[in-house]
Amino acid sequence: MSATERDLAAAHAEVKAEITRTDTKTALLLAFVGAVLAGTWTVARDLPLTVPSVVVGSAGLALLVGAAGLLLWSVRPNLGGRHGFPLWATLSAEEIGAAVTSDLAADIAGLSRLAIGKFTCLRRAVDLTLTGGALLILAALLAAGGAA
């Protein structure tokens, strides 16, 4: 195996590892967002809420639901891709061997684009989660101030 082939194989493994990392982070964040949504609903339904706390809290919940949607979109399988197993499913055994050896650079490029898309969704979901969480804290403070 030449140095170029080793470099391509290492780059391919790195991109696949980044996709795995993204999917793991997404799963953890999705569980967190779900827990915050469930906890907020449980707590909020038993509190006397003021109109401002309802408005701010509703905005926070909407952002968290949006974050959950982005997270789900991030892990949605791309079965129409031209790289990896979706491509291999359309090829014969002989064609797979040729495709793997000749198109490793193209596979790295395609998987890198996939990874960037996943990271972009994850980043936006984190931003929405932080903003939604801040709004929920503000809503709690408004509710506590209105109850006094």
Protein backbone atom coordinates (compact mmCIF):
# COMPACT_ATOMS: atom_id res chain seq x y z
CA MET A 1 0.00 0.00 0.00
CA SER A 2 1.48 3.33 -1.06
CA ALA A 3 1.73 6.40 1.15
CA THR A 4 -1.12 8.04 -0.79
CA GLU A 5 -3.36 5.01 -0.29
CA ARG A 6 -2.54 5.01 3.45
CA ASP A 7 -3.32 8.72 3.65
CA LEU A 8 -6.63 8.19 1.86
CA ALA A 9 -7.52 5.28 4.14
CA ALA A 10 -6.68 7.39 7.21
CA ALA A 11 -8.76 10.31 5.90
CA HIS A 12 -11.65 7.95 5.18
CA ALA A 13 -11.50 6.53 8.71
CA GLU A 14 -11.33 10.05 10.18
CA VAL A 15 -14.44 11.21 8.32
CA LYS A 16 -16.37 8.11 9.38
CA ALA A 17 -15.29 8.69 12.99
CA GLU A 18 -16.52 12.30 12.82
CA ILE A 19 -19.91 11.11 11.56
CA THR A 20 -20.09 8.66 14.47
CA ARG A 21 -19.16 11.42 16.93
CA THR A 22 -21.86 13.67 15.53
CA ASP A 23 -24.50 10.95 15.76
CA THR A 24 -23.50 10.22 19.37
CA LYS A 25 -23.67 13.90 20.33
CA THR A 26 -26.99 14.22 18.56
CA ALA A 27 -28.46 11.26 20.47
CA LEU A 28 -27.34 12.70 23.80
CA LEU A 29 -28.68 16.16 23.00
CA LEU A 30 -31.97 14.72 21.76
CA ALA A 31 -32.39 12.86 25.06
CA PHE A 32 -31.57 16.07 26.96
CA VAL A 33 -34.05 18.16 24.96
CA GLY A 34 -36.73 15.51 25.46
CA ALA A 35 -36.13 15.48 29.20
CA VAL A 36 -36.29 19.30 29.38
CA LEU A 37 -39.54 19.32 27.39
CA ALA A 38 -41.10 16.63 29.60
CA GLY A 39 -39.87 18.27 32.80
CA THR A 40 -41.10 21.69 31.75
CA TRP A 41 -44.53 20.35 30.90
CA THR A 42 -44.75 18.49 34.22
CA VAL A 43 -43.75 21.51 36.28
CA ALA A 44 -45.60 24.20 34.31
CA ARG A 45 -49.01 22.54 34.38
CA ASP A 46 -49.13 22.72 38.19
CA LEU A 47 -47.98 26.34 38.55
CA PRO A 48 -50.03 29.51 38.49
CA LEU A 49 -48.53 31.18 35.41
CA THR A 50 -48.67 34.83 34.45
CA VAL A 51 -49.32 35.90 30.88
CA PRO A 52 -45.70 37.04 30.34
CA SER A 53 -44.38 33.72 31.69
CA VAL A 54 -46.70 31.78 29.37
CA VAL A 55 -45.60 33.81 26.34
CA VAL A 56 -41.88 33.53 27.12
CA GLY A 57 -42.18 29.86 28.14
CA SER A 58 -44.10 29.02 24.99
CA ALA A 59 -41.37 30.62 22.89
CA GLY A 60 -38.76 28.60 24.78
CA LEU A 61 -40.69 25.37 24.23
CA ALA A 62 -41.11 26.17 20.54
CA LEU A 63 -37.35 26.62 20.20
CA LEU A 64 -36.75 23.30 21.96
CA VAL A 65 -39.19 21.54 19.65
CA GLY A 66 -37.35 23.14 16.72
CA ALA A 67 -34.05 21.88 18.14
CA ALA A 68 -35.50 18.37 18.41
CA GLY A 69 -36.59 18.57 14.78
CA LEU A 70 -33.09 19.59 13.67
CA LEU A 71 -31.59 16.77 15.69
CA LEU A 72 -33.91 14.23 14.12
CA TRP A 73 -33.10 15.63 10.68
CA SER A 74 -29.40 15.27 11.45
CA VAL A 75 -29.66 11.54 12.12
CA ARG A 76 -32.13 10.85 9.31
CA PRO A 77 -30.52 8.24 7.03
CA ASN A 78 -29.47 9.37 3.57
CA LEU A 79 -30.27 6.26 1.56
CA GLY A 80 -30.09 8.02 -1.80
CA GLY A 81 -26.39 8.81 -1.43
CA ARG A 82 -23.71 8.00 -3.96
CA HIS A 83 -21.17 6.93 -1.34
CA GLY A 84 -20.77 4.03 1.05
CA PHE A 85 -23.38 1.34 1.49
CA PRO A 86 -26.20 3.09 -0.47
CA LEU A 87 -23.94 3.00 -3.54
CA TRP A 88 -22.72 -0.52 -2.83
CA ALA A 89 -26.29 -1.79 -2.63
CA THR A 90 -26.69 -0.95 -6.32
CA LEU A 91 -23.49 -2.71 -7.45
CA SER A 92 -22.45 -6.28 -8.06
CA ALA A 93 -19.70 -7.87 -5.97
CA GLU A 94 -17.11 -7.19 -8.69
CA GLU A 95 -18.23 -3.59 -9.10
CA ILE A 96 -17.97 -2.97 -5.35
CA GLY A 97 -14.30 -3.96 -5.32
CA ALA A 98 -13.55 -1.65 -8.23
CA ALA A 99 -15.57 1.21 -6.74
CA VAL A 100 -13.87 0.95 -3.36
CA THR A 101 -10.36 0.98 -4.76
CA SER A 102 -10.89 3.64 -7.41
CA ASP A 103 -13.29 6.02 -5.72
CA LEU A 104 -11.95 6.33 -2.17
CA ALA A 105 -11.23 10.04 -2.63
CA ALA A 106 -14.76 10.63 -3.94
CA ASP A 107 -16.15 8.68 -0.98
CA ILE A 108 -14.12 10.84 1.42
CA ALA A 109 -15.49 14.00 -0.24
CA GLY A 110 -19.08 12.73 -0.12
CA LEU A 111 -18.83 11.58 3.49
CA SER A 112 -17.20 14.89 4.44
CA ARG A 113 -20.15 16.79 2.96
CA LEU A 114 -22.47 14.51 4.93
CA ALA A 115 -20.49 15.16 8.12
CA ILE A 116 -20.59 18.94 7.57
CA GLY A 117 -24.37 18.77 7.13
CA LYS A 118 -24.73 16.79 10.34
CA PHE A 119 -22.47 19.17 12.28
CA THR A 120 -24.37 22.17 10.93
CA CYS A 121 -27.71 20.73 12.12
CA LEU A 122 -26.16 19.85 15.47
CA ARG A 123 -24.71 23.34 15.89
CA ARG A 124 -28.04 25.00 15.08
CA ALA A 125 -29.84 22.64 17.46
CA VAL A 126 -27.40 23.54 20.26
CA ASP A 127 -28.03 27.24 19.60
CA LEU A 128 -31.80 26.69 19.72
CA THR A 129 -31.49 24.60 22.88
CA LEU A 130 -29.45 27.29 24.64
CA THR A 131 -31.86 30.03 23.61
CA GLY A 132 -34.92 27.94 24.50
CA GLY A 133 -33.43 27.05 27.87
CA ALA A 134 -32.69 30.70 28.60
CA LEU A 135 -36.29 31.58 27.74
CA LEU A 136 -37.58 28.83 30.03
CA ILE A 137 -35.45 30.17 32.89
CA LEU A 138 -36.80 33.66 32.21
CA ALA A 139 -40.36 32.26 32.17
CA ALA A 140 -39.73 30.56 35.54
CA LEU A 141 -38.44 33.83 36.98
CA LEU A 142 -41.47 35.69 35.61
CA ALA A 143 -43.82 33.07 37.09
CA ALA A 144 -42.05 33.21 40.46
CA GLY A 145 -42.17 37.02 40.44
CA GLY A 146 -45.84 37.02 39.45
CA ALA A 147 -46.77 34.55 42.19
CA ALA A 148 -45.27 36.68 44.97
